[in-house]
N, C-alpha and C. Protein backbone atom coordinates (compact mmCIF):
# COMPACT_ATOMS: atom_id res chain seq x y z
N MET A 1 -2.34 -6.48 -12.82
CA MET A 1 -1.42 -5.92 -11.88
C MET A 1 -2.14 -5.88 -10.35
N ARG A 2 -1.84 -6.10 -9.56
CA ARG A 2 -2.70 -6.10 -8.20
C ARG A 2 -1.75 -4.70 -7.35
N ASP A 3 -2.54 -4.09 -7.04
CA ASP A 3 -2.07 -2.80 -6.50
C ASP A 3 -2.60 -2.54 -5.01
N VAL A 4 -1.80 -2.26 -4.18
CA VAL A 4 -2.14 -1.71 -2.74
C VAL A 4 -1.90 -0.42 -2.65
N VAL A 5 -3.12 0.34 -1.87
CA VAL A 5 -2.51 1.47 -1.73
C VAL A 5 -2.76 1.78 -0.27
N CYS A 6 -1.88 2.20 0.51
CA CYS A 6 -2.00 2.54 2.07
C CYS A 6 -1.64 3.69 2.33
N LEU A 7 -2.67 4.20 3.10
CA LEU A 7 -2.60 5.59 3.69
C LEU A 7 -1.72 5.59 4.83
N ALA A 8 -0.66 6.43 4.79
CA ALA A 8 0.39 6.49 5.85
C ALA A 8 0.21 8.06 6.69
N HIS A 9 -0.90 8.17 7.34
CA HIS A 9 -1.05 9.38 8.21
C HIS A 9 -0.10 10.07 8.92
N ASP A 10 0.63 8.95 9.60
CA ASP A 10 1.54 9.94 10.70
C ASP A 10 3.03 9.80 9.95
N LEU A 11 3.09 9.06 8.88
CA LEU A 11 4.66 9.13 8.50
C LEU A 11 5.29 10.57 7.97
N PRO A 12 6.28 10.91 8.49
CA PRO A 12 6.74 12.41 8.21
C PRO A 12 7.24 12.29 6.87
N PRO A 13 6.80 13.59 5.82
CA PRO A 13 7.01 13.63 4.41
C PRO A 13 8.63 13.83 4.44
N ASP A 14 9.20 14.08 5.48
CA ASP A 14 10.92 14.29 5.47
C ASP A 14 11.21 13.03 5.82
N GLY A 15 10.56 11.80 6.02
CA GLY A 15 11.22 10.58 6.59
C GLY A 15 11.92 10.72 8.18
N PRO A 16 11.95 9.39 8.60
CA PRO A 16 12.33 9.15 9.71
C PRO A 16 13.75 9.85 10.01
N ASP A 17 13.81 10.39 11.44
CA ASP A 17 15.15 10.82 11.92
C ASP A 17 15.94 9.80 12.08
N SER A 18 15.50 8.83 12.58
CA SER A 18 16.20 7.50 12.87
C SER A 18 15.62 6.43 12.69
N LEU A 19 16.32 5.20 12.64
CA LEU A 19 15.69 3.90 12.18
C LEU A 19 15.50 3.21 13.54
N ASP A 20 15.79 3.61 14.48
CA ASP A 20 15.97 2.86 15.90
C ASP A 20 14.74 2.56 16.44
N ASP A 21 13.58 3.49 16.19
CA ASP A 21 12.36 3.33 16.95
C ASP A 21 11.32 3.70 15.77
N LEU A 22 11.06 2.44 14.82
CA LEU A 22 10.18 2.57 13.85
C LEU A 22 8.86 2.73 14.05
N PRO A 23 8.15 2.30 15.22
CA PRO A 23 6.84 2.64 15.66
C PRO A 23 6.87 4.29 15.77
N GLY A 24 7.63 4.72 16.46
CA GLY A 24 7.92 5.98 17.03
C GLY A 24 7.99 7.13 15.81
N ALA A 25 8.39 6.39 14.75
CA ALA A 25 8.78 7.29 13.36
C ALA A 25 7.24 7.24 12.53
N GLY A 26 6.20 7.84 12.89
CA GLY A 26 5.07 7.68 12.33
C GLY A 26 4.54 6.51 11.82
N ARG A 27 4.59 5.38 12.72
CA ARG A 27 4.26 3.73 12.51
C ARG A 27 4.88 3.45 10.96
N LEU A 28 6.34 3.56 11.12
CA LEU A 28 6.99 3.40 9.77
C LEU A 28 7.21 1.58 9.89
N ASP A 29 7.06 1.28 10.96
CA ASP A 29 7.05 -0.20 11.13
C ASP A 29 5.73 -1.13 10.36
N LEU A 30 4.37 -0.28 10.55
CA LEU A 30 3.42 -0.69 9.90
C LEU A 30 3.54 -0.61 8.49
N CYS A 31 3.99 0.40 7.90
CA CYS A 31 4.42 0.92 6.61
C CYS A 31 5.13 -0.47 5.80
N CYS A 32 6.24 -0.72 6.62
CA CYS A 32 7.14 -1.75 6.25
C CYS A 32 6.42 -3.02 6.08
N ARG A 33 5.75 -3.27 7.09
CA ARG A 33 5.09 -4.47 7.12
C ARG A 33 3.93 -4.52 5.66
N VAL A 34 3.27 -3.59 5.60
CA VAL A 34 2.50 -3.54 4.34
C VAL A 34 3.27 -3.60 3.34
N VAL A 35 4.59 -3.17 2.71
CA VAL A 35 5.22 -3.45 1.70
C VAL A 35 5.72 -4.80 1.66
N THR A 36 6.00 -5.34 2.61
CA THR A 36 6.65 -6.75 2.53
C THR A 36 5.35 -7.51 2.46
N SER A 37 4.19 -7.50 3.12
CA SER A 37 2.99 -8.51 2.83
C SER A 37 2.70 -8.12 1.37
N GLY A 38 2.74 -6.81 0.93
CA GLY A 38 2.37 -6.72 -0.33
C GLY A 38 3.16 -7.42 -1.71
N LEU A 39 4.24 -7.64 -1.19
CA LEU A 39 5.23 -7.84 -2.52
C LEU A 39 6.07 -9.20 -2.18
N LEU A 40 6.15 -9.46 -1.04
CA LEU A 40 7.02 -10.72 -0.87
C LEU A 40 6.10 -11.97 -0.37
N THR A 41 6.75 -12.87 -1.24
CA THR A 41 6.04 -14.52 -0.79
C THR A 41 7.12 -15.00 0.12
N SER A 42 7.10 -16.56 0.40
CA SER A 42 8.34 -17.05 1.04
C SER A 42 9.62 -16.92 0.32
N HIS A 43 9.73 -17.09 -0.81
CA HIS A 43 11.15 -16.86 -1.29
C HIS A 43 11.22 -16.26 -2.40
N ALA A 44 10.21 -15.53 -2.85
CA ALA A 44 10.02 -14.79 -3.99
C ALA A 44 9.24 -13.28 -3.84
N VAL A 45 9.34 -12.52 -5.06
CA VAL A 45 8.95 -11.46 -5.15
C VAL A 45 7.56 -11.53 -5.87
N ARG A 46 6.59 -10.83 -5.42
CA ARG A 46 4.96 -10.92 -6.57
C ARG A 46 5.31 -9.88 -7.71
N GLU A 47 5.72 -10.38 -8.44
CA GLU A 47 6.04 -9.43 -9.73
C GLU A 47 4.69 -8.97 -10.40
N ASP A 48 3.39 -9.40 -9.77
CA ASP A 48 2.24 -8.87 -10.59
C ASP A 48 1.66 -7.96 -9.50
N ALA A 49 2.82 -7.26 -8.57
CA ALA A 49 1.89 -6.57 -7.43
C ALA A 49 2.71 -5.26 -7.38
N ALA A 50 2.23 -4.39 -6.84
CA ALA A 50 2.86 -2.92 -6.40
C ALA A 50 2.13 -2.52 -4.89
N VAL A 51 3.18 -1.55 -4.31
CA VAL A 51 2.32 -1.10 -2.97
C VAL A 51 2.94 0.39 -3.17
N HIS A 52 1.66 1.23 -2.68
CA HIS A 52 1.90 2.54 -2.94
C HIS A 52 1.43 3.31 -1.35
N LEU A 53 2.36 3.70 -0.63
CA LEU A 53 2.22 4.34 0.46
C LEU A 53 2.26 5.86 0.23
N VAL A 54 0.84 6.10 0.58
CA VAL A 54 0.54 7.77 0.48
C VAL A 54 0.89 8.31 1.59
N VAL A 55 1.62 9.41 1.78
CA VAL A 55 2.46 9.85 2.92
C VAL A 55 1.59 11.48 3.19
N GLN A 56 0.96 11.23 4.22
CA GLN A 56 0.20 12.41 4.65
C GLN A 56 -0.39 13.12 3.46
N ASP A 57 -1.06 12.57 2.64
CA ASP A 57 -1.70 12.83 1.21
C ASP A 57 -0.99 13.94 0.61
N GLU A 58 0.81 13.75 0.67
CA GLU A 58 1.35 14.79 -0.30
C GLU A 58 2.27 13.93 -0.99
N PHE A 59 3.04 13.22 -0.74
CA PHE A 59 3.73 12.26 -1.47
C PHE A 59 3.09 10.66 -1.44
N THR A 60 3.58 10.09 -2.52
CA THR A 60 3.48 8.67 -2.72
C THR A 60 4.63 7.93 -2.89
N VAL A 61 5.19 6.97 -2.12
CA VAL A 61 6.17 6.10 -2.23
C VAL A 61 5.58 4.58 -2.95
N ARG A 62 6.35 4.55 -4.01
CA ARG A 62 5.76 3.16 -4.70
C ARG A 62 6.81 2.31 -4.74
N PHE A 63 6.38 0.97 -4.59
CA PHE A 63 7.26 -0.14 -4.62
C PHE A 63 6.41 -1.23 -5.72
N ASP A 64 7.46 -1.54 -6.64
CA ASP A 64 6.94 -1.97 -8.14
C ASP A 64 7.65 -3.58 -8.05
N GLY A 65 6.86 -4.55 -8.03
CA GLY A 65 7.24 -5.80 -7.75
C GLY A 65 8.11 -6.34 -8.89
N ARG A 66 7.55 -5.79 -10.19
CA ARG A 66 8.37 -6.07 -11.26
C ARG A 66 9.71 -5.54 -11.68
N SER A 67 10.23 -4.70 -10.79
CA SER A 67 11.45 -4.00 -11.10
C SER A 67 12.08 -3.78 -9.70
N VAL A 68 11.59 -3.87 -8.54
CA VAL A 68 12.25 -3.84 -7.37
C VAL A 68 13.34 -5.00 -6.75
N ARG A 69 14.46 -4.46 -6.55
CA ARG A 69 15.52 -5.10 -6.06
C ARG A 69 15.93 -5.41 -4.96
N HIS A 70 16.28 -6.19 -4.38
CA HIS A 70 16.96 -6.51 -2.63
C HIS A 70 16.20 -6.23 -1.80
N LEU A 71 14.83 -6.28 -1.94
CA LEU A 71 13.83 -6.23 -0.97
C LEU A 71 13.91 -7.31 0.27
N ARG A 72 14.08 -7.04 1.13
CA ARG A 72 14.32 -8.27 2.26
C ARG A 72 13.01 -7.93 3.15
N PRO A 73 12.74 -9.29 3.94
CA PRO A 73 11.44 -9.16 4.72
C PRO A 73 11.53 -8.63 6.23
N ASP A 74 12.90 -8.07 6.32
CA ASP A 74 13.07 -7.25 7.71
C ASP A 74 12.56 -5.97 7.58
N GLU A 75 11.94 -5.64 8.96
CA GLU A 75 11.43 -3.77 8.81
C GLU A 75 12.48 -3.00 8.58
N ARG A 76 13.69 -2.97 8.95
CA ARG A 76 14.73 -2.04 9.04
C ARG A 76 15.32 -1.65 7.75
N SER A 77 15.24 -2.99 7.10
CA SER A 77 15.88 -2.61 5.52
C SER A 77 14.88 -2.07 4.87
N THR A 78 13.72 -2.70 5.10
CA THR A 78 12.67 -1.81 4.20
C THR A 78 11.97 -0.31 4.52
N ALA A 79 12.38 0.01 5.80
CA ALA A 79 12.37 1.23 6.40
C ALA A 79 13.66 2.21 5.87
N ALA A 80 14.73 1.70 5.81
CA ALA A 80 15.65 2.56 4.81
C ALA A 80 15.28 2.77 3.51
N ARG A 81 14.92 1.88 2.65
CA ARG A 81 14.18 2.18 1.42
C ARG A 81 13.23 3.06 1.44
N ILE A 82 12.03 3.04 2.16
CA ILE A 82 11.44 4.14 2.51
C ILE A 82 11.69 5.75 2.76
N ARG A 83 12.75 5.54 3.63
CA ARG A 83 13.34 6.55 3.79
C ARG A 83 14.36 7.21 2.86
N ASP A 84 14.87 6.37 2.00
CA ASP A 84 15.75 6.81 0.87
C ASP A 84 14.99 7.31 -0.26
N ALA A 85 13.54 6.32 -0.15
CA ALA A 85 12.62 7.45 -1.44
C ALA A 85 12.25 8.78 -0.57
N LEU A 86 11.88 9.08 0.35
CA LEU A 86 11.39 10.22 0.74
C LEU A 86 12.81 11.33 0.75
N ASP A 87 13.70 10.87 0.70
CA ASP A 87 14.66 11.66 0.82
C ASP A 87 15.33 12.22 -0.71
N ALA A 88 14.59 11.50 -1.67
CA ALA A 88 14.80 11.52 -3.18
C ALA A 88 13.60 12.58 -3.56
N LYS A 89 12.53 12.75 -2.58
CA LYS A 89 11.38 13.63 -3.12
C LYS A 89 11.54 14.72 -4.01
N SER A 90 12.84 15.54 -3.48
CA SER A 90 13.08 16.66 -4.48
C SER A 90 13.26 16.54 -6.17
N GLY A 91 13.49 15.36 -6.19
CA GLY A 91 14.11 15.19 -7.77
C GLY A 91 12.36 14.72 -8.41
N ALA A 92 11.49 14.56 -7.48
CA ALA A 92 9.81 14.34 -8.26
C ALA A 92 9.32 15.80 -8.51
N ILE A 93 9.25 15.99 -9.79
CA ILE A 93 8.81 17.46 -10.36
C ILE A 93 7.19 16.98 -11.12
N GLY A 94 6.65 17.66 -10.63
CA GLY A 94 5.21 17.53 -11.32
C GLY A 94 4.59 16.45 -11.41
N HIS A 95 4.32 15.51 -12.10
CA HIS A 95 3.82 14.17 -11.97
C HIS A 95 5.13 13.29 -12.60
N GLN A 96 6.31 13.93 -12.60
CA GLN A 96 7.41 12.81 -12.75
C GLN A 96 7.97 12.51 -11.56
N GLU A 97 7.87 10.97 -11.07
CA GLU A 97 8.38 10.45 -10.13
C GLU A 97 9.94 10.55 -9.72
N ALA A 98 10.53 10.55 -8.89
CA ALA A 98 12.03 10.18 -8.59
C ALA A 98 12.07 8.81 -8.41
N GLU A 99 13.26 8.08 -8.95
CA GLU A 99 13.28 6.62 -8.69
C GLU A 99 14.77 6.48 -7.89
N PRO A 100 14.78 6.52 -6.70
CA PRO A 100 16.13 6.38 -5.96
C PRO A 100 16.87 5.07 -5.86
N SER A 101 16.01 3.88 -6.23
CA SER A 101 16.71 2.68 -6.52
C SER A 101 15.76 2.00 -7.38
N PRO A 102 15.81 0.77 -8.07
CA PRO A 102 15.05 0.12 -8.74
C PRO A 102 13.80 -0.48 -8.33
N GLY A 103 12.53 0.00 -8.87
CA GLY A 103 11.41 -0.49 -8.40
C GLY A 103 11.05 0.29 -7.29
N VAL A 104 11.52 1.14 -6.88
CA VAL A 104 11.26 2.12 -5.70
C VAL A 104 10.95 3.65 -6.00
N ALA A 105 9.83 4.28 -6.19
CA ALA A 105 9.81 5.66 -6.70
C ALA A 105 9.25 6.62 -5.62
N VAL A 106 9.13 7.89 -5.99
CA VAL A 106 8.45 8.53 -4.86
C VAL A 106 7.99 9.63 -6.05
N GLY A 107 6.57 10.06 -5.71
CA GLY A 107 6.20 11.32 -6.28
C GLY A 107 5.28 12.30 -5.45
N ARG A 108 5.30 13.31 -6.17
CA ARG A 108 4.26 14.51 -5.56
C ARG A 108 2.74 13.99 -5.90
N PHE A 109 2.26 13.00 -5.46
CA PHE A 109 0.78 12.61 -5.44
C PHE A 109 0.28 12.53 -4.06
N GLY A 110 -0.97 12.95 -3.89
CA GLY A 110 -2.09 12.55 -2.71
C GLY A 110 -3.00 11.28 -3.10
N LEU A 111 -3.73 11.24 -2.29
CA LEU A 111 -4.47 9.89 -2.47
C LEU A 111 -5.18 10.01 -3.93
N ALA A 112 -5.72 11.03 -4.09
CA ALA A 112 -6.91 11.22 -5.29
C ALA A 112 -5.81 11.19 -6.53
N ALA A 113 -4.65 11.58 -6.72
CA ALA A 113 -3.84 11.66 -8.00
C ALA A 113 -3.48 10.20 -8.09
N THR A 114 -3.02 9.49 -6.76
CA THR A 114 -2.42 8.34 -7.02
C THR A 114 -3.54 6.98 -7.46
N LEU A 115 -4.65 7.42 -7.19
CA LEU A 115 -5.92 6.54 -7.47
C LEU A 115 -6.14 6.83 -9.12
N SER A 116 -5.91 8.08 -9.58
CA SER A 116 -6.05 8.61 -10.83
C SER A 116 -5.14 7.57 -11.67
N ARG A 117 -4.05 7.45 -11.00
CA ARG A 117 -2.83 6.86 -11.94
C ARG A 117 -3.03 5.12 -11.85
N LEU A 118 -4.14 4.47 -11.33
CA LEU A 118 -4.29 3.40 -11.43
C LEU A 118 -5.43 2.86 -12.35
N ASP A 119 -5.37 1.71 -12.83
CA ASP A 119 -6.55 0.97 -13.70
C ASP A 119 -7.03 -0.29 -12.80
N GLY A 120 -8.00 -0.56 -13.25
CA GLY A 120 -8.77 -1.72 -12.54
C GLY A 120 -9.64 -1.10 -11.68
N PRO A 121 -10.31 -2.25 -10.95
CA PRO A 121 -11.50 -2.17 -9.96
C PRO A 121 -10.76 -1.51 -8.78
N LEU A 122 -11.58 -0.99 -8.17
CA LEU A 122 -10.88 -0.39 -6.80
C LEU A 122 -11.89 -0.84 -5.46
N LEU A 123 -11.06 -1.37 -4.57
CA LEU A 123 -11.68 -2.08 -3.63
C LEU A 123 -11.28 -1.26 -2.35
N HIS A 124 -12.23 -0.67 -1.59
CA HIS A 124 -11.90 0.11 -0.48
C HIS A 124 -12.07 -0.87 0.48
N CYS A 125 -11.31 -1.26 1.43
CA CYS A 125 -10.90 -2.26 2.72
C CYS A 125 -11.43 -1.27 3.86
N HIS A 126 -12.49 -1.81 4.50
CA HIS A 126 -13.09 -1.46 5.55
C HIS A 126 -13.82 -2.66 6.30
N GLU A 127 -13.91 -2.61 7.58
CA GLU A 127 -14.53 -3.44 8.37
C GLU A 127 -16.10 -3.74 8.15
N ALA A 128 -16.71 -2.43 7.83
CA ALA A 128 -18.11 -2.54 7.72
C ALA A 128 -18.27 -2.66 6.14
N GLY A 129 -17.44 -3.43 5.32
CA GLY A 129 -17.74 -3.78 4.03
C GLY A 129 -18.31 -5.08 3.73
N THR A 130 -18.59 -5.36 2.65
CA THR A 130 -19.13 -6.52 2.20
C THR A 130 -18.00 -7.69 2.07
N PRO A 131 -18.23 -9.13 2.83
CA PRO A 131 -17.17 -9.94 3.02
C PRO A 131 -16.82 -10.19 1.82
N LEU A 132 -15.30 -10.40 1.44
CA LEU A 132 -14.74 -10.76 0.27
C LEU A 132 -15.21 -12.07 -0.41
N ALA A 133 -15.70 -12.94 0.82
CA ALA A 133 -16.25 -14.00 -0.13
C ALA A 133 -17.28 -14.19 -0.95
N GLU A 134 -17.96 -13.02 -0.73
CA GLU A 134 -19.21 -12.73 -1.19
C GLU A 134 -18.98 -11.75 -2.63
N GLU A 135 -17.89 -11.27 -2.69
CA GLU A 135 -17.43 -10.62 -3.90
C GLU A 135 -17.02 -11.52 -5.10
N PRO A 136 -17.25 -10.95 -6.38
CA PRO A 136 -16.67 -11.75 -7.37
C PRO A 136 -15.26 -11.34 -7.62
N VAL A 137 -14.31 -12.24 -7.70
CA VAL A 137 -12.85 -12.14 -7.94
C VAL A 137 -12.50 -11.01 -9.15
N PRO A 138 -12.14 -9.75 -8.89
CA PRO A 138 -11.89 -9.07 -10.11
C PRO A 138 -10.26 -9.32 -10.77
N GLU A 139 -10.19 -8.77 -12.02
CA GLU A 139 -9.04 -8.68 -12.67
C GLU A 139 -8.05 -7.37 -12.18
N ASP A 140 -7.13 -7.30 -11.98
CA ASP A 140 -5.97 -6.14 -11.57
C ASP A 140 -6.92 -5.23 -10.53
N PRO A 141 -7.42 -5.52 -9.46
CA PRO A 141 -7.91 -4.78 -8.39
C PRO A 141 -6.76 -4.02 -7.59
N THR A 142 -7.31 -2.88 -7.13
CA THR A 142 -6.72 -1.83 -6.37
C THR A 142 -7.23 -2.26 -4.87
N PHE A 143 -6.35 -2.43 -4.00
CA PHE A 143 -6.87 -2.42 -2.68
C PHE A 143 -6.53 -1.01 -1.78
N VAL A 144 -7.61 -0.25 -1.38
CA VAL A 144 -7.26 0.85 -0.59
C VAL A 144 -7.27 0.68 0.96
N LEU A 145 -6.48 0.68 1.65
CA LEU A 145 -6.65 0.50 3.22
C LEU A 145 -5.98 1.70 3.99
N SER A 146 -6.13 1.79 5.09
CA SER A 146 -5.45 2.82 6.03
C SER A 146 -4.58 1.98 7.04
N ASP A 147 -3.62 3.24 7.61
CA ASP A 147 -2.66 2.43 8.42
C ASP A 147 -3.47 2.08 9.86
N HIS A 148 -2.89 2.58 10.89
CA HIS A 148 -3.50 2.42 12.36
C HIS A 148 -4.69 3.48 12.47
N ARG A 149 -4.74 4.19 11.70
CA ARG A 149 -5.95 5.46 12.13
C ARG A 149 -7.03 5.10 10.99
N ASP A 150 -8.21 5.60 11.38
CA ASP A 150 -9.34 5.30 10.25
C ASP A 150 -9.09 6.46 9.34
N PHE A 151 -10.03 6.21 8.28
CA PHE A 151 -9.94 6.99 7.16
C PHE A 151 -10.72 8.30 7.46
N THR A 152 -10.09 9.33 7.36
CA THR A 152 -10.48 10.72 7.64
C THR A 152 -11.95 10.94 6.67
N ASP A 153 -12.69 12.02 6.85
CA ASP A 153 -13.97 12.11 6.43
C ASP A 153 -13.57 12.32 4.97
N ALA A 154 -12.68 13.35 4.35
CA ALA A 154 -12.34 13.12 2.97
C ALA A 154 -12.26 12.30 2.19
N GLU A 155 -11.20 11.51 2.79
CA GLU A 155 -10.74 10.08 2.27
C GLU A 155 -11.76 9.06 2.07
N ALA A 156 -12.58 9.15 3.21
CA ALA A 156 -13.84 8.32 3.13
C ALA A 156 -14.78 8.68 2.05
N ALA A 157 -14.96 10.12 1.85
CA ALA A 157 -15.85 10.64 0.75
C ALA A 157 -15.22 10.31 -0.61
N LEU A 158 -14.07 10.77 -0.73
CA LEU A 158 -13.49 10.18 -2.04
C LEU A 158 -13.64 8.70 -2.45
N LEU A 159 -13.40 7.60 -1.37
CA LEU A 159 -13.44 6.28 -1.68
C LEU A 159 -14.88 5.82 -1.88
N ALA A 160 -16.05 6.37 -1.00
CA ALA A 160 -17.17 6.41 -1.49
C ALA A 160 -17.46 6.85 -2.91
N ASP A 161 -16.86 7.85 -3.34
CA ASP A 161 -17.26 8.21 -4.92
C ASP A 161 -16.66 7.58 -5.74
N ARG A 162 -15.57 6.79 -5.49
CA ARG A 162 -14.54 6.53 -6.57
C ARG A 162 -14.59 4.79 -6.64
N ALA A 163 -14.63 4.20 -5.20
CA ALA A 163 -14.56 2.84 -5.09
C ALA A 163 -15.57 1.87 -6.08
N ASP A 164 -15.15 0.85 -6.31
CA ASP A 164 -16.17 0.05 -7.22
C ASP A 164 -17.12 -1.03 -5.97
N SER A 165 -16.22 -1.16 -4.75
CA SER A 165 -17.10 -1.86 -3.82
C SER A 165 -15.94 -1.50 -2.57
N ARG A 166 -16.94 -1.70 -1.54
CA ARG A 166 -16.38 -1.68 -0.16
C ARG A 166 -16.28 -3.06 0.51
N VAL A 167 -15.14 -3.38 0.81
CA VAL A 167 -14.99 -5.04 1.01
C VAL A 167 -14.33 -5.17 2.59
N SER A 168 -14.78 -6.31 3.22
CA SER A 168 -14.21 -6.47 4.68
C SER A 168 -13.40 -8.01 4.38
N VAL A 169 -12.27 -8.07 5.27
CA VAL A 169 -11.55 -9.52 5.03
C VAL A 169 -11.72 -10.26 6.01
N GLY A 170 -12.59 -9.96 6.93
CA GLY A 170 -12.82 -10.74 8.13
C GLY A 170 -13.90 -10.27 9.12
N PRO A 171 -14.34 -11.08 10.18
CA PRO A 171 -15.24 -10.62 11.15
C PRO A 171 -14.35 -9.92 12.30
N GLU A 172 -13.10 -9.80 12.50
CA GLU A 172 -11.90 -9.11 13.07
C GLU A 172 -11.52 -8.20 12.37
N ARG A 173 -10.99 -7.07 13.37
CA ARG A 173 -10.48 -5.75 12.75
C ARG A 173 -9.01 -6.19 12.67
N LEU A 174 -8.39 -6.07 11.57
CA LEU A 174 -6.92 -6.55 11.37
C LEU A 174 -5.98 -5.62 11.27
N HIS A 175 -4.69 -5.72 11.30
CA HIS A 175 -3.74 -4.80 10.91
C HIS A 175 -3.68 -4.82 9.64
N ALA A 176 -3.24 -3.75 8.97
CA ALA A 176 -2.84 -3.39 7.56
C ALA A 176 -2.21 -4.33 6.82
N ASP A 177 -1.28 -4.68 7.23
CA ASP A 177 -0.31 -5.76 6.63
C ASP A 177 -1.01 -7.25 6.48
N GLN A 178 -1.89 -7.52 7.66
CA GLN A 178 -2.51 -8.71 7.64
C GLN A 178 -3.70 -8.80 6.73
N THR A 179 -4.33 -7.59 6.44
CA THR A 179 -5.35 -7.00 5.64
C THR A 179 -4.85 -7.66 4.16
N VAL A 180 -3.49 -7.12 3.67
CA VAL A 180 -3.10 -7.18 2.46
C VAL A 180 -2.71 -8.73 2.43
N THR A 181 -2.34 -9.63 3.20
CA THR A 181 -2.14 -10.79 3.07
C THR A 181 -3.28 -11.95 3.04
N VAL A 182 -4.68 -11.49 3.61
CA VAL A 182 -5.88 -11.94 3.31
C VAL A 182 -6.45 -11.67 1.88
N ALA A 183 -5.84 -10.40 1.63
CA ALA A 183 -6.44 -10.20 0.29
C ALA A 183 -5.65 -10.71 -0.95
N HIS A 184 -4.33 -11.00 -0.52
CA HIS A 184 -3.60 -11.73 -1.66
C HIS A 184 -4.03 -13.22 -1.80
N ASN A 185 -4.43 -13.77 -0.28
CA ASN A 185 -4.83 -14.82 -0.49
C ASN A 185 -6.22 -15.27 -1.20
N TRP A 186 -7.13 -14.44 -0.83
CA TRP A 186 -8.44 -14.69 -1.77
C TRP A 186 -8.06 -14.30 -3.26
N LEU A 187 -7.16 -13.68 -3.70
CA LEU A 187 -6.77 -13.45 -5.11
C LEU A 187 -6.18 -14.70 -5.80
N ASP A 188 -5.34 -15.40 -4.91
CA ASP A 188 -4.71 -16.36 -5.22
C ASP A 188 -5.37 -17.74 -5.43
N THR A 189 -6.24 -17.88 -4.46
CA THR A 189 -7.36 -18.92 -4.52
C THR A 189 -8.65 -18.90 -5.48
N ASP A 190 -8.57 -17.79 -6.18
CA ASP A 190 -9.73 -17.35 -7.13
C ASP A 190 -11.07 -17.36 -5.95
N GLY A 191 -10.74 -16.39 -5.03
CA GLY A 191 -12.14 -16.52 -4.19
C GLY A 191 -12.16 -17.65 -3.30
N TYR A 192 -11.04 -18.20 -2.93
CA TYR A 192 -11.17 -19.31 -1.60
C TYR A 192 -11.75 -20.55 -2.56
N ARG A 193 -11.55 -20.48 -4.00
CA ARG A 193 -12.10 -21.70 -4.55
C ARG A 193 -11.27 -22.72 -5.12
N SER A 194 -10.01 -22.23 -5.07
CA SER A 194 -8.91 -23.35 -5.79
C SER A 194 -7.65 -23.29 -4.63
N TYR A 195 -7.02 -24.29 -4.45
CA TYR A 195 -6.12 -24.41 -3.54
C TYR A 195 -4.97 -25.21 -4.19
């Protein structure tokens, strides 16, 4: 399983008031693009992938490619799925997630608890990391990246402690969703060796 963990620093835990201004709703537009980049190919869903949006270190909205249904590539419909998940958070009790629709769940987990629930090597995506092309291709990795904000000191310290490596996807600083696309391409091509 490939996991993508994206920190949504500004997304309100109560969800957006409206879907008419996705950038103004805590950069919900970016969160939507991370979900679709993480799970969708041209005409299919990546069944070997999951995306975890860590919302202000309070809640995690999880999209699981094995069971998600009716995920579309447009931001507005994905935003509605994220909103619906956050609306269902009262059903998440302790470590039990609420699942408002197939393949979409919300839990009361911050970053540390979300990472503890995942297996496989942890790769911290950062522009100062080792280039992906120089890294061995791991089995079932978890990529951790931030939204439009830098990692907080606490997040950076946690990742310095837990990450197996800190990686860079290229010489230019990319948007979070572009980073996910590059990471998938690296895995899909066995480290850029097989096309």
